[in-house]
Amino acid sequence: SPAIVPKSQCSRFYTVVSGDTCDGISAKTSTPTFQLQEINADVINGECTNLFLGEVLCLGLTGQDCTDVHVVQSGDSCVDIANDAGTTLSTLLANNPNVNSACTDIYVGEVLCTANHIIGYD
């Protein structure tokens, strides 16, 4: 079961507005999709279909908040994304544990963490 994140550990917040999606929120707040969904796993379902107006989401945890991001575009590869961001493929994959090692499961609109150091999500 998902861990409940104490709001005191939250470094950034976002209030859901009409039309929001997880990827949309991630893109406009420079928050990786994985990070948004992992931190809010107690309130957001896996498909992110249960957002509601006025809901306050935690965007990042103190000491574990990636704000260096890339919104996946058509034709992107993990190697290209890592190179463009000045990081390594292994660091990119470590910071995006939802992405498989072959990087075949990224999708257009997904927001990836491109930090050049490992964030160390718990």
C-alpha atoms as a PDB file:
ATOM      1  CA  SER A   1       0.000   0.000   0.000  1.00  0.00           C
ATOM      2  CA  PRO A   2       1.223   3.518  -0.713  1.00  0.00           C
ATOM      3  CA  ALA A   3       3.001   5.410   1.999  1.00  0.00           C
ATOM      4  CA  ILE A   4       1.180   8.424   3.366  1.00  0.00           C
ATOM      5  CA  VAL A   5       3.464  11.423   2.934  1.00  0.00           C
ATOM      6  CA  PRO A   6       3.406  13.868   5.837  1.00  0.00           C
ATOM      7  CA  LYS A   7       2.593  17.310   4.399  1.00  0.00           C
ATOM      8  CA  SER A   8       5.364  18.723   6.611  1.00  0.00           C
ATOM      9  CA  GLN A   9       7.894  16.992   4.311  1.00  0.00           C
ATOM     10  CA  CYS A  10       6.383  18.604   1.213  1.00  0.00           C
ATOM     11  CA  SER A  11       8.546  21.292  -0.391  1.00  0.00           C
ATOM     12  CA  ARG A  12       6.047  22.376  -3.086  1.00  0.00           C
ATOM     13  CA  PHE A  13       2.267  22.231  -3.441  1.00  0.00           C
ATOM     14  CA  TYR A  14      -0.192  22.480  -6.334  1.00  0.00           C
ATOM     15  CA  THR A  15      -3.972  22.940  -6.318  1.00  0.00           C
ATOM     16  CA  VAL A  16      -5.835  21.034  -9.042  1.00  0.00           C
ATOM     17  CA  VAL A  17      -7.792  23.160 -11.554  1.00  0.00           C
ATOM     18  CA  SER A  18     -10.312  22.207 -14.234  1.00  0.00           C
ATOM     19  CA  GLY A  19      -8.830  20.145 -17.064  1.00  0.00           C
ATOM     20  CA  ASP A  20      -5.721  19.055 -15.170  1.00  0.00           C
ATOM     21  CA  THR A  21      -4.008  15.729 -15.864  1.00  0.00           C
ATOM     22  CA  CYS A  22      -0.990  14.312 -14.052  1.00  0.00           C
ATOM     23  CA  ASP A  23       1.255  14.868 -17.074  1.00  0.00           C
ATOM     24  CA  GLY A  24      -0.141  18.389 -17.511  1.00  0.00           C
ATOM     25  CA  ILE A  25       0.463  19.278 -13.870  1.00  0.00           C
ATOM     26  CA  SER A  26       3.954  17.757 -14.106  1.00  0.00           C
ATOM     27  CA  ALA A  27       4.818  19.773 -17.223  1.00  0.00           C
ATOM     28  CA  LYS A  28       3.620  23.128 -15.885  1.00  0.00           C
ATOM     29  CA  THR A  29       5.243  22.676 -12.465  1.00  0.00           C
ATOM     30  CA  SER A  30       8.541  21.049 -13.613  1.00  0.00           C
ATOM     31  CA  THR A  31       7.751  17.916 -11.632  1.00  0.00           C
ATOM     32  CA  PRO A  32       8.507  14.421 -12.962  1.00  0.00           C
ATOM     33  CA  THR A  33       5.347  12.392 -13.606  1.00  0.00           C
ATOM     34  CA  PHE A  34       6.724   9.539 -11.486  1.00  0.00           C
ATOM     35  CA  GLN A  35       7.484  11.868  -8.573  1.00  0.00           C
ATOM     36  CA  LEU A  36       4.002  13.430  -8.637  1.00  0.00           C
ATOM     37  CA  GLN A  37       2.258  10.063  -8.702  1.00  0.00           C
ATOM     38  CA  GLU A  38       4.572   8.384  -6.170  1.00  0.00           C
ATOM     39  CA  ILE A  39       4.315  11.164  -3.583  1.00  0.00           C
ATOM     40  CA  ASN A  40       0.529  11.368  -3.970  1.00  0.00           C
ATOM     41  CA  ALA A  41      -0.093   7.615  -4.314  1.00  0.00           C
ATOM     42  CA  ASP A  42      -2.457   7.795  -1.352  1.00  0.00           C
ATOM     43  CA  VAL A  43      -4.822  10.095  -3.307  1.00  0.00           C
ATOM     44  CA  ILE A  44      -4.036   9.600  -7.027  1.00  0.00           C
ATOM     45  CA  ASN A  45      -4.820   6.274  -8.679  1.00  0.00           C
ATOM     46  CA  GLY A  46      -2.371   4.655 -11.125  1.00  0.00           C
ATOM     47  CA  GLU A  47      -4.184   6.027 -14.180  1.00  0.00           C
ATOM     48  CA  CYS A  48      -4.525   9.478 -12.604  1.00  0.00           C
ATOM     49  CA  THR A  49      -8.248   9.573 -13.356  1.00  0.00           C
ATOM     50  CA  ASN A  50      -9.414  10.649  -9.912  1.00  0.00           C
ATOM     51  CA  LEU A  51      -8.104  14.226  -9.614  1.00  0.00           C
ATOM     52  CA  PHE A  52     -10.677  16.681  -8.276  1.00  0.00           C
ATOM     53  CA  LEU A  53     -10.988  20.471  -8.359  1.00  0.00           C
ATOM     54  CA  GLY A  54      -9.327  22.144  -5.419  1.00  0.00           C
ATOM     55  CA  GLU A  55      -7.364  19.051  -4.415  1.00  0.00           C
ATOM     56  CA  VAL A  56      -3.960  20.028  -3.007  1.00  0.00           C
ATOM     57  CA  LEU A  57      -1.126  17.820  -4.225  1.00  0.00           C
ATOM     58  CA  CYS A  58       2.432  17.611  -2.954  1.00  0.00           C
ATOM     59  CA  LEU A  59       4.892  18.134  -5.826  1.00  0.00           C
ATOM     60  CA  GLY A  60       8.154  17.302  -4.094  1.00  0.00           C
ATOM     61  CA  LEU A  61       9.635  16.303  -0.768  1.00  0.00           C
ATOM     62  CA  THR A  62      12.358  18.243   0.993  1.00  0.00           C
ATOM     63  CA  GLY A  63      15.658  16.724  -0.152  1.00  0.00           C
ATOM     64  CA  GLN A  64      13.935  14.515  -2.765  1.00  0.00           C
ATOM     65  CA  ASP A  65      12.531  17.031  -5.250  1.00  0.00           C
ATOM     66  CA  CYS A  66      13.647  16.838  -8.865  1.00  0.00           C
ATOM     67  CA  THR A  67      12.918  20.061 -10.754  1.00  0.00           C
ATOM     68  CA  ASP A  68      15.233  19.416 -13.728  1.00  0.00           C
ATOM     69  CA  VAL A  69      12.827  17.839 -16.184  1.00  0.00           C
ATOM     70  CA  HIS A  70      12.172  16.968 -19.817  1.00  0.00           C
ATOM     71  CA  VAL A  71       8.743  16.548 -21.390  1.00  0.00           C
ATOM     72  CA  VAL A  72       8.970  13.552 -23.731  1.00  0.00           C
ATOM     73  CA  GLN A  73       8.413  14.416 -27.394  1.00  0.00           C
ATOM     74  CA  SER A  74       7.799  12.147 -30.360  1.00  0.00           C
ATOM     75  CA  GLY A  75      11.056  10.460 -31.411  1.00  0.00           C
ATOM     76  CA  ASP A  76      12.824  10.992 -28.072  1.00  0.00           C
ATOM     77  CA  SER A  77      15.116   8.289 -26.723  1.00  0.00           C
ATOM     78  CA  CYS A  78      16.500   8.052 -23.213  1.00  0.00           C
ATOM     79  CA  VAL A  79      20.054   8.388 -24.541  1.00  0.00           C
ATOM     80  CA  ASP A  80      19.163  11.623 -26.366  1.00  0.00           C
ATOM     81  CA  ILE A  81      17.272  12.988 -23.346  1.00  0.00           C
ATOM     82  CA  ALA A  82      20.224  12.193 -21.037  1.00  0.00           C
ATOM     83  CA  ASN A  83      22.776  13.694 -23.445  1.00  0.00           C
ATOM     84  CA  ASP A  84      20.723  16.867 -23.955  1.00  0.00           C
ATOM     85  CA  ALA A  85      20.403  17.268 -20.177  1.00  0.00           C
ATOM     86  CA  GLY A  86      24.100  16.674 -19.526  1.00  0.00           C
ATOM     87  CA  THR A  87      23.475  13.573 -17.441  1.00  0.00           C
ATOM     88  CA  THR A  88      24.124   9.871 -17.899  1.00  0.00           C
ATOM     89  CA  LEU A  89      21.675   7.203 -18.960  1.00  0.00           C
ATOM     90  CA  SER A  90      22.203   5.356 -15.659  1.00  0.00           C
ATOM     91  CA  THR A  91      21.374   8.512 -13.653  1.00  0.00           C
ATOM     92  CA  LEU A  92      18.321   9.188 -15.850  1.00  0.00           C
ATOM     93  CA  LEU A  93      17.051   5.655 -15.246  1.00  0.00           C
ATOM     94  CA  ALA A  94      17.800   5.836 -11.492  1.00  0.00           C
ATOM     95  CA  ASN A  95      15.783   9.054 -11.221  1.00  0.00           C
ATOM     96  CA  ASN A  96      12.884   7.616 -13.231  1.00  0.00           C
ATOM     97  CA  PRO A  97      12.335   4.151 -11.724  1.00  0.00           C
ATOM     98  CA  ASN A  98       9.085   3.845 -13.684  1.00  0.00           C
ATOM     99  CA  VAL A  99      11.099   3.647 -16.939  1.00  0.00           C
ATOM    100  CA  ASN A 100      12.401   0.216 -17.962  1.00  0.00           C
ATOM    101  CA  SER A 101      16.121  -0.297 -18.632  1.00  0.00           C
ATOM    102  CA  ALA A 102      15.543  -0.467 -22.404  1.00  0.00           C
ATOM    103  CA  CYS A 103      13.573   2.786 -22.194  1.00  0.00           C
ATOM    104  CA  THR A 104      10.780   1.371 -24.345  1.00  0.00           C
ATOM    105  CA  ASP A 105       7.951   2.525 -22.089  1.00  0.00           C
ATOM    106  CA  ILE A 106       8.328   6.311 -22.187  1.00  0.00           C
ATOM    107  CA  TYR A 107       5.465   8.163 -23.859  1.00  0.00           C
ATOM    108  CA  VAL A 108       4.826  11.586 -25.393  1.00  0.00           C
ATOM    109  CA  GLY A 109       3.889  14.048 -22.661  1.00  0.00           C
ATOM    110  CA  GLU A 110       5.529  12.102 -19.849  1.00  0.00           C
ATOM    111  CA  VAL A 111       7.754  14.299 -17.679  1.00  0.00           C
ATOM    112  CA  LEU A 112      11.124  12.771 -16.774  1.00  0.00           C
ATOM    113  CA  CYS A 113      13.631  13.848 -14.138  1.00  0.00           C
ATOM    114  CA  THR A 114      16.856  14.906 -15.865  1.00  0.00           C
ATOM    115  CA  ALA A 115      18.923  15.891 -12.815  1.00  0.00           C
ATOM    116  CA  ASN A 116      22.636  15.125 -13.147  1.00  0.00           C
ATOM    117  CA  HIS A 117      22.712  13.563  -9.672  1.00  0.00           C
ATOM    118  CA  ILE A 118      20.626  10.771  -8.193  1.00  0.00           C
ATOM    119  CA  ILE A 119      17.671  12.163  -6.262  1.00  0.00           C
ATOM    120  CA  GLY A 120      17.385   9.089  -4.020  1.00  0.00           C
ATOM    121  CA  TYR A 121      13.673   8.560  -3.756  1.00  0.00           C
ATOM    122  CA  ASP A 122      12.798   6.482  -0.704  1.00  0.00           C
END
